[in-house]
C-alpha atoms as a PDB file:
ATOM      1  CA  MET A   1       0.000   0.000   0.000  1.00  0.00           C
ATOM      2  CA  LYS A   2       1.430   3.352  -1.090  1.00  0.00           C
ATOM      3  CA  LYS A   3       0.892   6.567   0.864  1.00  0.00           C
ATOM      4  CA  PHE A   4      -0.411   9.627  -0.953  1.00  0.00           C
ATOM      5  CA  ALA A   5      -0.749  13.331  -0.269  1.00  0.00           C
ATOM      6  CA  LEU A   6      -3.024  15.562  -2.322  1.00  0.00           C
ATOM      7  CA  VAL A   7      -2.590  19.244  -3.217  1.00  0.00           C
ATOM      8  CA  GLY A   8      -5.744  21.012  -4.384  1.00  0.00           C
ATOM      9  CA  ALA A   9      -8.181  18.727  -2.616  1.00  0.00           C
ATOM     10  CA  ALA A  10     -11.255  20.963  -2.969  1.00  0.00           C
ATOM     11  CA  GLY A  11     -10.985  21.378  -6.726  1.00  0.00           C
ATOM     12  CA  TYR A  12     -13.136  19.955  -9.512  1.00  0.00           C
ATOM     13  CA  ILE A  13     -10.752  17.174 -10.515  1.00  0.00           C
ATOM     14  CA  ALA A  14      -9.554  16.098  -7.045  1.00  0.00           C
ATOM     15  CA  PRO A  15     -12.354  13.534  -6.450  1.00  0.00           C
ATOM     16  CA  ARG A  16     -11.142  11.550  -9.484  1.00  0.00           C
ATOM     17  CA  HIS A  17      -7.722  11.307  -7.857  1.00  0.00           C
ATOM     18  CA  MET A  18      -9.252  10.241  -4.546  1.00  0.00           C
ATOM     19  CA  GLN A  19     -11.229   7.558  -6.385  1.00  0.00           C
ATOM     20  CA  ALA A  20      -8.117   6.381  -8.237  1.00  0.00           C
ATOM     21  CA  ILE A  21      -6.040   6.207  -5.039  1.00  0.00           C
ATOM     22  CA  LYS A  22      -8.768   4.136  -3.380  1.00  0.00           C
ATOM     23  CA  ALA A  23      -9.457   1.934  -6.420  1.00  0.00           C
ATOM     24  CA  THR A  24      -5.775   0.995  -6.682  1.00  0.00           C
ATOM     25  CA  GLY A  25      -5.685  -0.076  -3.027  1.00  0.00           C
ATOM     26  CA  ASN A  26      -3.677   2.827  -1.654  1.00  0.00           C
ATOM     27  CA  GLN A  27      -4.075   5.396   1.108  1.00  0.00           C
ATOM     28  CA  LEU A  28      -4.466   9.168   1.179  1.00  0.00           C
ATOM     29  CA  ILE A  29      -2.880  10.346   4.412  1.00  0.00           C
ATOM     30  CA  ALA A  30      -2.745  14.137   3.959  1.00  0.00           C
ATOM     31  CA  ALA A  31      -4.460  16.765   1.845  1.00  0.00           C
ATOM     32  CA  TYR A  32      -4.180  20.515   1.367  1.00  0.00           C
ATOM     33  CA  ASP A  33      -6.431  23.205  -0.035  1.00  0.00           C
ATOM     34  CA  PRO A  34      -6.932  26.849   1.006  1.00  0.00           C
ATOM     35  CA  ASN A  35     -10.667  26.204   0.591  1.00  0.00           C
ATOM     36  CA  ASP A  36     -12.078  24.229   3.519  1.00  0.00           C
ATOM     37  CA  SER A  37     -15.198  23.001   1.637  1.00  0.00           C
ATOM     38  CA  ILE A  38     -13.753  19.524   1.426  1.00  0.00           C
ATOM     39  CA  GLY A  39     -16.481  17.218   2.729  1.00  0.00           C
ATOM     40  CA  ILE A  40     -16.058  15.002  -0.345  1.00  0.00           C
ATOM     41  CA  ILE A  41     -12.989  13.533   1.342  1.00  0.00           C
ATOM     42  CA  ASP A  42     -15.257  11.707   3.812  1.00  0.00           C
ATOM     43  CA  SER A  43     -16.478   9.490   0.982  1.00  0.00           C
ATOM     44  CA  HIS A  44     -12.966   8.258   0.346  1.00  0.00           C
ATOM     45  CA  PHE A  45     -10.453   8.908   3.141  1.00  0.00           C
ATOM     46  CA  PRO A  46     -12.122  10.336   6.270  1.00  0.00           C
ATOM     47  CA  ASP A  47      -8.981   9.748   8.360  1.00  0.00           C
ATOM     48  CA  ALA A  48      -6.686  11.833   6.136  1.00  0.00           C
ATOM     49  CA  ASP A  49      -5.083  14.870   7.763  1.00  0.00           C
ATOM     50  CA  PHE A  50      -6.238  18.121   6.160  1.00  0.00           C
ATOM     51  CA  PHE A  51      -4.582  21.540   5.989  1.00  0.00           C
ATOM     52  CA  THR A  52      -5.731  24.926   4.721  1.00  0.00           C
ATOM     53  CA  GLU A  53      -2.286  26.523   5.043  1.00  0.00           C
ATOM     54  CA  PHE A  54       0.501  25.310   2.790  1.00  0.00           C
ATOM     55  CA  GLU A  55       3.170  26.028   5.410  1.00  0.00           C
ATOM     56  CA  ARG A  56       1.572  23.611   7.873  1.00  0.00           C
ATOM     57  CA  PHE A  57       1.038  21.021   5.160  1.00  0.00           C
ATOM     58  CA  ASP A  58       4.695  21.404   4.132  1.00  0.00           C
ATOM     59  CA  ARG A  59       5.835  20.929   7.745  1.00  0.00           C
ATOM     60  CA  HIS A  60       3.659  17.831   8.127  1.00  0.00           C
ATOM     61  CA  ILE A  61       5.018  16.202   4.961  1.00  0.00           C
ATOM     62  CA  ASP A  62       8.573  17.128   5.943  1.00  0.00           C
ATOM     63  CA  LYS A  63       8.179  15.540   9.395  1.00  0.00           C
ATOM     64  CA  LEU A  64       6.908  12.319   7.803  1.00  0.00           C
ATOM     65  CA  HIS A  65       9.807  12.360   5.348  1.00  0.00           C
ATOM     66  CA  ARG A  66      12.428  12.893   8.040  1.00  0.00           C
ATOM     67  CA  ALA A  67      10.973  10.317  10.445  1.00  0.00           C
ATOM     68  CA  LYS A  68      11.867   7.524   7.988  1.00  0.00           C
ATOM     69  CA  LYS A  69       9.748   4.995   9.847  1.00  0.00           C
ATOM     70  CA  GLY A  70       7.518   3.909   7.000  1.00  0.00           C
ATOM     71  CA  GLY A  71       5.333   6.991   7.295  1.00  0.00           C
ATOM     72  CA  ALA A  72       6.787   9.006   4.438  1.00  0.00           C
ATOM     73  CA  VAL A  73       4.606   9.927   1.484  1.00  0.00           C
ATOM     74  CA  ASP A  74       5.301   7.958  -1.704  1.00  0.00           C
ATOM     75  CA  TYR A  75       3.308  10.155  -4.102  1.00  0.00           C
ATOM     76  CA  VAL A  76       1.965  13.709  -4.115  1.00  0.00           C
ATOM     77  CA  ALA A  77      -1.044  14.169  -6.406  1.00  0.00           C
ATOM     78  CA  ILE A  78      -1.311  17.729  -7.719  1.00  0.00           C
ATOM     79  CA  CYS A  79      -4.705  19.219  -8.618  1.00  0.00           C
ATOM     80  CA  SER A  80      -3.937  22.876  -7.925  1.00  0.00           C
ATOM     81  CA  PRO A  81      -4.456  25.797 -10.371  1.00  0.00           C
ATOM     82  CA  ASN A  82      -2.305  25.512 -13.487  1.00  0.00           C
ATOM     83  CA  TYR A  83       0.235  28.194 -12.602  1.00  0.00           C
ATOM     84  CA  LEU A  84       1.081  26.433  -9.313  1.00  0.00           C
ATOM     85  CA  HIS A  85       1.813  23.014 -10.816  1.00  0.00           C
ATOM     86  CA  ASP A  86       5.507  23.760 -11.291  1.00  0.00           C
ATOM     87  CA  SER A  87       6.004  24.816  -7.659  1.00  0.00           C
ATOM     88  CA  HIS A  88       3.990  21.913  -6.278  1.00  0.00           C
ATOM     89  CA  MET A  89       5.897  19.347  -8.344  1.00  0.00           C
ATOM     90  CA  ARG A  90       9.148  20.796  -7.031  1.00  0.00           C
ATOM     91  CA  PHE A  91       7.740  20.492  -3.511  1.00  0.00           C
ATOM     92  CA  ALA A  92       6.824  16.844  -4.107  1.00  0.00           C
ATOM     93  CA  LEU A  93      10.243  15.868  -5.450  1.00  0.00           C
ATOM     94  CA  ARG A  94      12.112  17.680  -2.671  1.00  0.00           C
ATOM     95  CA  SER A  95       9.879  15.938  -0.135  1.00  0.00           C
ATOM     96  CA  GLY A  96      11.171  12.557  -1.302  1.00  0.00           C
ATOM     97  CA  ALA A  97       7.984  11.685  -3.203  1.00  0.00           C
ATOM     98  CA  ASP A  98       7.093  11.133  -6.830  1.00  0.00           C
ATOM     99  CA  ALA A  99       4.579  13.591  -8.306  1.00  0.00           C
ATOM    100  CA  ILE A 100       1.350  12.854 -10.164  1.00  0.00           C
ATOM    101  CA  CYS A 101       0.318  16.082 -11.845  1.00  0.00           C
ATOM    102  CA  GLU A 102      -2.888  17.043 -13.606  1.00  0.00           C
ATOM    103  CA  LYS A 103      -2.779  18.690 -17.008  1.00  0.00           C
ATOM    104  CA  PRO A 104      -1.365  21.068 -18.045  1.00  0.00           C
ATOM    105  CA  LEU A 105       1.948  19.949 -16.595  1.00  0.00           C
ATOM    106  CA  VAL A 106       3.346  23.512 -16.721  1.00  0.00           C
ATOM    107  CA  LEU A 107       2.566  26.689 -18.650  1.00  0.00           C
ATOM    108  CA  ASN A 108       5.913  27.106 -20.423  1.00  0.00           C
ATOM    109  CA  PRO A 109       8.285  24.563 -21.996  1.00  0.00           C
ATOM    110  CA  TRP A 110      11.349  25.862 -20.141  1.00  0.00           C
ATOM    111  CA  ASN A 111       9.713  24.849 -16.856  1.00  0.00           C
ATOM    112  CA  ILE A 112      10.144  21.240 -17.998  1.00  0.00           C
ATOM    113  CA  ASP A 113      13.924  21.705 -18.125  1.00  0.00           C
ATOM    114  CA  GLY A 114      14.010  22.922 -14.519  1.00  0.00           C
ATOM    115  CA  LEU A 115      11.954  19.945 -13.363  1.00  0.00           C
ATOM    116  CA  LEU A 116      14.264  17.540 -15.192  1.00  0.00           C
ATOM    117  CA  ASP A 117      17.162  18.988 -13.171  1.00  0.00           C
ATOM    118  CA  ILE A 118      15.273  18.479  -9.905  1.00  0.00           C
ATOM    119  CA  GLU A 119      14.427  14.895 -10.890  1.00  0.00           C
ATOM    120  CA  LYS A 120      18.165  14.266 -11.289  1.00  0.00           C
ATOM    121  CA  ASP A 121      18.970  15.960  -7.966  1.00  0.00           C
ATOM    122  CA  THR A 122      16.343  14.074  -5.967  1.00  0.00           C
ATOM    123  CA  GLY A 123      16.075  10.745  -7.774  1.00  0.00           C
ATOM    124  CA  ARG A 124      12.281  11.140  -7.797  1.00  0.00           C
ATOM    125  CA  LYS A 125       9.962  11.214 -10.825  1.00  0.00           C
ATOM    126  CA  VAL A 126       7.192  13.375 -12.235  1.00  0.00           C
ATOM    127  CA  ASN A 127       4.203  11.482 -13.647  1.00  0.00           C
ATOM    128  CA  THR A 128       1.427  13.216 -15.526  1.00  0.00           C
ATOM    129  CA  ILE A 129      -2.234  12.568 -16.207  1.00  0.00           C
ATOM    130  CA  LEU A 130      -2.486  12.288 -19.993  1.00  0.00           C
ATOM    131  CA  GLN A 131      -5.648  10.254 -19.814  1.00  0.00           C
ATOM    132  CA  LEU A 132      -6.461  10.232 -23.527  1.00  0.00           C
ATOM    133  CA  ARG A 133      -3.282   8.237 -24.148  1.00  0.00           C
ATOM    134  CA  VAL A 134      -4.845   5.323 -22.259  1.00  0.00           C
ATOM    135  CA  HIS A 135      -8.302   5.606 -23.854  1.00  0.00           C
ATOM    136  CA  PRO A 136      -8.945   2.396 -25.858  1.00  0.00           C
ATOM    137  CA  SER A 137     -10.334   4.234 -28.912  1.00  0.00           C
ATOM    138  CA  ILE A 138      -7.385   6.622 -29.054  1.00  0.00           C
ATOM    139  CA  MET A 139      -4.868   3.803 -28.629  1.00  0.00           C
ATOM    140  CA  ALA A 140      -6.548   1.862 -31.452  1.00  0.00           C
ATOM    141  CA  LEU A 141      -6.493   4.900 -33.756  1.00  0.00           C
ATOM    142  CA  ARG A 142      -2.806   5.440 -33.044  1.00  0.00           C
ATOM    143  CA  GLU A 143      -1.989   1.852 -33.975  1.00  0.00           C
ATOM    144  CA  LYS A 144      -4.061   2.144 -37.162  1.00  0.00           C
ATOM    145  CA  VAL A 145      -2.256   5.342 -38.227  1.00  0.00           C
ATOM    146  CA  ARG A 146       1.144   3.842 -37.446  1.00  0.00           C
ATOM    147  CA  SER A 147       0.513   0.654 -39.406  1.00  0.00           C
ATOM    148  CA  GLU A 148      -1.084   2.079 -42.553  1.00  0.00           C
ATOM    149  CA  LYS A 149       0.731   3.270 -45.661  1.00  0.00           C
ATOM    150  CA  ARG A 150      -0.626   6.515 -47.131  1.00  0.00           C
ATOM    151  CA  ASP A 151       0.549   8.953 -49.764  1.00  0.00           C
ATOM    152  CA  THR A 152      -1.378  11.824 -48.184  1.00  0.00           C
ATOM    153  CA  LYS A 153      -1.908  13.087 -44.663  1.00  0.00           C
ATOM    154  CA  HIS A 154      -5.165  12.594 -42.772  1.00  0.00           C
ATOM    155  CA  GLU A 155      -7.542  15.567 -42.773  1.00  0.00           C
ATOM    156  CA  VAL A 156      -8.677  16.116 -39.182  1.00  0.00           C
ATOM    157  CA  ASP A 157     -11.273  18.450 -37.653  1.00  0.00           C
ATOM    158  CA  LEU A 158     -11.269  18.783 -33.865  1.00  0.00           C
ATOM    159  CA  THR A 159     -14.171  20.626 -32.236  1.00  0.00           C
ATOM    160  CA  TYR A 160     -14.527  20.842 -28.463  1.00  0.00           C
ATOM    161  CA  ILE A 161     -17.074  23.087 -26.765  1.00  0.00           C
ATOM    162  CA  THR A 162     -17.532  22.733 -23.016  1.00  0.00           C
ATOM    163  CA  SER A 163     -19.813  25.515 -21.810  1.00  0.00           C
ATOM    164  CA  ARG A 164     -18.964  27.468 -18.691  1.00  0.00           C
ATOM    165  CA  GLY A 165     -21.027  30.047 -16.821  1.00  0.00           C
ATOM    166  CA  HIS A 166     -20.122  33.620 -15.884  1.00  0.00           C
ATOM    167  CA  TRP A 167     -18.006  32.350 -12.992  1.00  0.00           C
ATOM    168  CA  TYR A 168     -15.368  31.056 -15.397  1.00  0.00           C
ATOM    169  CA  LEU A 169     -13.833  34.389 -16.405  1.00  0.00           C
ATOM    170  CA  GLN A 170     -14.019  35.649 -12.806  1.00  0.00           C
ATOM    171  CA  SER A 171     -11.999  32.696 -11.519  1.00  0.00           C
ATOM    172  CA  TRP A 172      -8.294  32.000 -11.940  1.00  0.00           C
ATOM    173  CA  LYS A 173      -9.220  30.146 -15.140  1.00  0.00           C
ATOM    174  CA  GLY A 174     -10.082  33.473 -16.761  1.00  0.00           C
ATOM    175  CA  ASP A 175      -6.641  34.908 -15.918  1.00  0.00           C
ATOM    176  CA  ILE A 176      -4.252  33.969 -18.738  1.00  0.00           C
ATOM    177  CA  SER A 177      -1.232  34.361 -16.441  1.00  0.00           C
ATOM    178  CA  LYS A 178      -2.682  31.662 -14.166  1.00  0.00           C
ATOM    179  CA  SER A 179      -4.506  29.300 -16.544  1.00  0.00           C
ATOM    180  CA  GLY A 180      -2.497  29.844 -19.722  1.00  0.00           C
ATOM    181  CA  GLY A 181      -5.641  30.768 -21.641  1.00  0.00           C
ATOM    182  CA  ILE A 182      -8.364  28.732 -23.256  1.00  0.00           C
ATOM    183  CA  ALA A 183      -6.143  26.527 -25.442  1.00  0.00           C
ATOM    184  CA  THR A 184      -4.017  25.544 -22.448  1.00  0.00           C
ATOM    185  CA  ASN A 185      -6.828  25.128 -19.965  1.00  0.00           C
ATOM    186  CA  ILE A 186      -9.243  22.969 -21.955  1.00  0.00           C
ATOM    187  CA  GLY A 187      -7.168  21.952 -24.970  1.00  0.00           C
ATOM    188  CA  VAL A 188      -3.732  20.790 -23.871  1.00  0.00           C
ATOM    189  CA  HIS A 189      -4.711  17.114 -23.540  1.00  0.00           C
ATOM    190  CA  PHE A 190      -6.253  17.201 -27.049  1.00  0.00           C
ATOM    191  CA  PHE A 191      -3.051  18.651 -28.494  1.00  0.00           C
ATOM    192  CA  ASP A 192      -1.118  15.912 -26.708  1.00  0.00           C
ATOM    193  CA  MET A 193      -3.533  13.354 -28.153  1.00  0.00           C
ATOM    194  CA  LEU A 194      -2.973  14.684 -31.695  1.00  0.00           C
ATOM    195  CA  HIS A 195       0.802  14.455 -31.289  1.00  0.00           C
ATOM    196  CA  PHE A 196       0.434  10.970 -29.742  1.00  0.00           C
ATOM    197  CA  ILE A 197      -1.583   9.736 -32.732  1.00  0.00           C
ATOM    198  CA  PHE A 198      -0.149  11.644 -35.681  1.00  0.00           C
ATOM    199  CA  GLY A 199       3.518  12.185 -34.834  1.00  0.00           C
ATOM    200  CA  ASP A 200       5.800  15.203 -34.868  1.00  0.00           C
ATOM    201  CA  LEU A 201       4.341  18.715 -35.020  1.00  0.00           C
ATOM    202  CA  GLN A 202       5.430  20.565 -38.155  1.00  0.00           C
ATOM    203  CA  GLN A 203       3.321  23.743 -38.296  1.00  0.00           C
ATOM    204  CA  ASN A 204       1.230  25.808 -35.868  1.00  0.00           C
ATOM    205  CA  ILE A 205      -1.068  28.645 -36.993  1.00  0.00           C
ATOM    206  CA  VAL A 206      -3.645  30.517 -34.900  1.00  0.00           C
ATOM    207  CA  HIS A 207      -6.711  31.981 -36.616  1.00  0.00           C
ATOM    208  CA  HIS A 208      -8.609  33.236 -33.564  1.00  0.00           C
ATOM    209  CA  ASN A 209      -7.839  33.630 -29.855  1.00  0.00           C
ATOM    210  CA  SER A 210     -10.029  35.228 -27.200  1.00  0.00           C
ATOM    211  CA  PRO A 211     -10.765  34.563 -23.510  1.00  0.00           C
ATOM    212  CA  THR A 212     -13.636  32.180 -24.358  1.00  0.00           C
ATOM    213  CA  LYS A 213     -12.633  30.557 -27.662  1.00  0.00           C
ATOM    214  CA  ALA A 214      -9.673  29.808 -29.886  1.00  0.00           C
ATOM    215  CA  ALA A 215      -9.081  28.170 -33.254  1.00  0.00           C
ATOM    216  CA  GLY A 216      -6.195  27.333 -35.515  1.00  0.00           C
ATOM    217  CA  TYR A 217      -4.382  24.905 -37.758  1.00  0.00           C
ATOM    218  CA  LEU A 218      -1.796  22.295 -36.818  1.00  0.00           C
ATOM    219  CA  GLU A 219       0.147  20.102 -39.177  1.00  0.00           C
ATOM    220  CA  TYR A 220       1.658  16.861 -37.947  1.00  0.00           C
ATOM    221  CA  GLU A 221       3.739  14.182 -39.581  1.00  0.00           C
ATOM    222  CA  ASN A 222       0.583  12.272 -40.538  1.00  0.00           C
ATOM    223  CA  ALA A 223      -2.247  14.807 -40.314  1.00  0.00           C
ATOM    224  CA  ARG A 224      -3.521  18.290 -41.155  1.00  0.00           C
ATOM    225  CA  VAL A 225      -5.703  19.497 -38.278  1.00  0.00           C
ATOM    226  CA  ARG A 226      -8.245  22.305 -38.041  1.00  0.00           C
ATOM    227  CA  TRP A 227      -9.202  22.873 -34.392  1.00  0.00           C
ATOM    228  CA  PHE A 228     -11.795  24.903 -32.491  1.00  0.00           C
ATOM    229  CA  LEU A 229     -12.113  25.174 -28.699  1.00  0.00           C
ATOM    230  CA  SER A 230     -14.734  27.127 -26.755  1.00  0.00           C
ATOM    231  CA  VAL A 231     -16.402  27.591 -23.372  1.00  0.00           C
ATOM    232  CA  ASP A 232     -19.233  29.672 -24.898  1.00  0.00           C
ATOM    233  CA  VAL A 233     -22.601  27.891 -25.027  1.00  0.00           C
ATOM    234  CA  GLU A 234     -23.526  29.924 -28.116  1.00  0.00           C
ATOM    235  CA  ASP A 235     -20.929  27.927 -30.074  1.00  0.00           C
ATOM    236  CA  VAL A 236     -22.809  24.666 -29.455  1.00  0.00           C
ATOM    237  CA  PRO A 237     -24.724  23.898 -32.693  1.00  0.00           C
ATOM    238  CA  ALA A 238     -28.293  25.233 -32.501  1.00  0.00           C
ATOM    239  CA  SER A 239     -29.845  21.787 -32.950  1.00  0.00           C
ATOM    240  CA  GLN A 240     -27.956  20.574 -29.888  1.00  0.00           C
ATOM    241  CA  ARG A 241     -28.737  23.677 -27.787  1.00  0.00           C
ATOM    242  CA  GLU A 242     -32.448  23.271 -28.506  1.00  0.00           C
ATOM    243  CA  ILE A 243     -32.444  19.903 -26.728  1.00  0.00           C
ATOM    244  CA  GLY A 244     -30.555  21.342 -23.761  1.00  0.00           C
ATOM    245  CA  GLN A 245     -27.053  20.207 -24.671  1.00  0.00           C
ATOM    246  CA  ARG A 246     -24.307  22.511 -23.406  1.00  0.00           C
ATOM    247  CA  THR A 247     -21.303  20.565 -24.643  1.00  0.00           C
ATOM    248  CA  TYR A 248     -20.214  19.419 -28.070  1.00  0.00           C
ATOM    249  CA  ARG A 249     -17.255  17.240 -28.970  1.00  0.00           C
ATOM    250  CA  SER A 250     -16.329  15.985 -32.399  1.00  0.00           C
ATOM    251  CA  ILE A 251     -13.194  14.599 -33.997  1.00  0.00           C
ATOM    252  CA  THR A 252     -13.283  13.540 -37.615  1.00  0.00           C
ATOM    253  CA  VAL A 253     -10.337  11.818 -39.299  1.00  0.00           C
ATOM    254  CA  SER A 254     -10.506  11.754 -43.098  1.00  0.00           C
ATOM    255  CA  GLY A 255     -14.280  12.267 -42.874  1.00  0.00           C
ATOM    256  CA  GLU A 256     -14.850   9.527 -40.297  1.00  0.00           C
ATOM    257  CA  GLU A 257     -16.140  10.457 -36.845  1.00  0.00           C
ATOM    258  CA  ILE A 258     -13.998   9.077 -34.025  1.00  0.00           C
ATOM    259  CA  GLU A 259     -16.232   7.993 -31.160  1.00  0.00           C
ATOM    260  CA  PHE A 260     -14.575   8.278 -27.788  1.00  0.00           C
ATOM    261  CA  SER A 261     -17.332   9.745 -25.617  1.00  0.00           C
ATOM    262  CA  GLY A 262     -17.532   6.555 -23.573  1.00  0.00           C
ATOM    263  CA  GLY A 263     -14.839   5.141 -21.361  1.00  0.00           C
ATOM    264  CA  PHE A 264     -13.885   8.432 -19.683  1.00  0.00           C
ATOM    265  CA  THR A 265     -14.975   7.568 -16.155  1.00  0.00           C
ATOM    266  CA  ASP A 266     -12.169   5.128 -15.451  1.00  0.00           C
ATOM    267  CA  LEU A 267      -9.296   6.899 -17.190  1.00  0.00           C
ATOM    268  CA  HIS A 268      -7.814   8.328 -13.998  1.00  0.00           C
ATOM    269  CA  ILE A 269      -7.865   4.884 -12.418  1.00  0.00           C
ATOM    270  CA  ARG A 270      -6.211   3.461 -15.526  1.00  0.00           C
ATOM    271  CA  SER A 271      -3.614   6.259 -15.416  1.00  0.00           C
ATOM    272  CA  TYR A 272      -2.849   5.487 -11.766  1.00  0.00           C
ATOM    273  CA  GLU A 273      -2.489   1.775 -12.537  1.00  0.00           C
ATOM    274  CA  GLU A 274       0.095   2.595 -15.203  1.00  0.00           C
ATOM    275  CA  ILE A 275       1.977   4.996 -12.904  1.00  0.00           C
ATOM    276  CA  LEU A 276       2.087   2.488 -10.048  1.00  0.00           C
ATOM    277  CA  ALA A 277       3.385  -0.136 -12.478  1.00  0.00           C
ATOM    278  CA  GLY A 278       6.239   2.187 -13.469  1.00  0.00           C
ATOM    279  CA  ARG A 279       4.757   3.043 -16.866  1.00  0.00           C
ATOM    280  CA  GLY A 280       3.638   6.607 -16.191  1.00  0.00           C
ATOM    281  CA  PHE A 281       4.079   9.422 -18.700  1.00  0.00           C
ATOM    282  CA  GLY A 282       6.949  11.653 -17.624  1.00  0.00           C
ATOM    283  CA  LEU A 283       8.175  15.159 -18.312  1.00  0.00           C
ATOM    284  CA  GLU A 284       9.408  14.690 -21.858  1.00  0.00           C
ATOM    285  CA  GLU A 285       6.128  13.136 -23.009  1.00  0.00           C
ATOM    286  CA  ASN A 286       4.526  16.513 -22.267  1.00  0.00           C
ATOM    287  CA  ARG A 287       6.985  18.701 -24.140  1.00  0.00           C
ATOM    288  CA  VAL A 288       5.316  18.863 -27.566  1.00  0.00           C
ATOM    289  CA  ALA A 289       1.873  19.700 -26.145  1.00  0.00           C
ATOM    290  CA  ILE A 290       3.299  22.366 -23.811  1.00  0.00           C
ATOM    291  CA  GLU A 291       5.305  23.891 -26.676  1.00  0.00           C
ATOM    292  CA  THR A 292       2.126  23.866 -28.773  1.00  0.00           C
ATOM    293  CA  VAL A 293      -0.073  25.721 -26.281  1.00  0.00           C
ATOM    294  CA  SER A 294       2.710  28.131 -25.310  1.00  0.00           C
ATOM    295  CA  ALA A 295       3.110  29.095 -28.969  1.00  0.00           C
ATOM    296  CA  ILE A 296      -0.678  29.486 -29.392  1.00  0.00           C
ATOM    297  CA  ARG A 297      -0.789  31.779 -26.351  1.00  0.00           C
ATOM    298  CA  ASN A 298       1.900  34.065 -27.741  1.00  0.00           C
ATOM    299  CA  MET A 299       1.060  33.974 -31.455  1.00  0.00           C
ATOM    300  CA  GLN A 300      -0.712  36.723 -33.382  1.00  0.00           C
ATOM    301  CA  PRO A 301      -3.980  35.342 -34.873  1.00  0.00           C
ATOM    302  CA  ILE A 302      -4.217  35.688 -38.663  1.00  0.00           C
ATOM    303  CA  GLY A 303      -8.021  35.750 -38.954  1.00  0.00           C
ATOM    304  CA  LEU A 304     -10.017  33.967 -41.655  1.00  0.00           C
ATOM    305  CA  ASN A 305      -7.050  33.146 -43.843  1.00  0.00           C
ATOM    306  CA  GLY A 306      -5.695  29.799 -44.939  1.00  0.00           C
ATOM    307  CA  ASP A 307      -7.160  26.485 -43.789  1.00  0.00           C
ATOM    308  CA  PHE A 308      -9.380  27.545 -40.882  1.00  0.00           C
ATOM    309  CA  HIS A 309     -12.029  25.628 -38.911  1.00  0.00           C
ATOM    310  CA  PRO A 310     -15.556  25.944 -40.415  1.00  0.00           C
ATOM    311  CA  PHE A 311     -17.011  27.099 -37.062  1.00  0.00           C
ATOM    312  CA  LEU A 312     -15.087  30.354 -37.513  1.00  0.00           C
ATOM    313  CA  LYS A 313     -17.316  31.274 -40.452  1.00  0.00           C
ATOM    314  CA  LEU A 314     -20.327  31.129 -38.144  1.00  0.00           C
ATOM    315  CA  LEU A 315     -18.472  33.182 -35.567  1.00  0.00           C
ATOM    316  CA  ASN A 316     -17.638  35.819 -38.174  1.00  0.00           C
ATOM    317  CA  GLN A 317     -21.329  36.143 -39.118  1.00  0.00           C
ATOM    318  CA  LEU A 318     -22.457  36.977 -35.563  1.00  0.00           C
END
């Protein structure tokens, strides 16, 4: 049984980590969040120590580490706001634990280099949650693309709309310095998925970028990709909105819809199983996706020029 600590325990994604820790037969012994609305922990680990001040949490983990009587934490799961991931991974490694970090790993690619140095110094490892890499449909598509012989690249359209209310832009997620912007916050795992399936990134163009939506073109070794991401419910197709749907997700590869809506509920558990077996995705596996979203964040959009996503035409008509 491995011992876990959790940073960001009151956040949206933290319960999936609690479930994964429990489902893999391990124990959460300490958790931290500045927000004390953390009753969800009772459903999983009611005996875990809980802290609302990082300094006290840090002291607690350090005491366990120094005691060296089997009480030290083996893993620190990190579910904090995006801009704090780098600091919290450094904390985990220096505390003698491996890290399990939610996406995005970091906001900038050079942060990966610093973490690689700390891995070498401490002998500990950073693992990341890239859950789409363990999704059966995505794994099957990757194998298909790798095994086939084509003279042309796949034509791919990626559309992901996950509506958010007015709270979104008022939270840290609406602050680009903290979230990295829309492409980083809701898109980084899709960009990792595209690289995972279609190979090396060769071109990156941004057509539109605003606080609530972004779109562009990516060219990979085996695919040409038009992408559109949004948190605006008005971008959900009208036919879907009329029946009360507030999300829309579609990936087409050479005209064929890729169905991967199912199978999401257990992906964190599957990710934890791989990490515990020593097959977790490390720092370098994240580099291409982090470079992609960092470039998108800092690139000047070119508007409706070139090979842009068809949803942008609708946006331009509003």
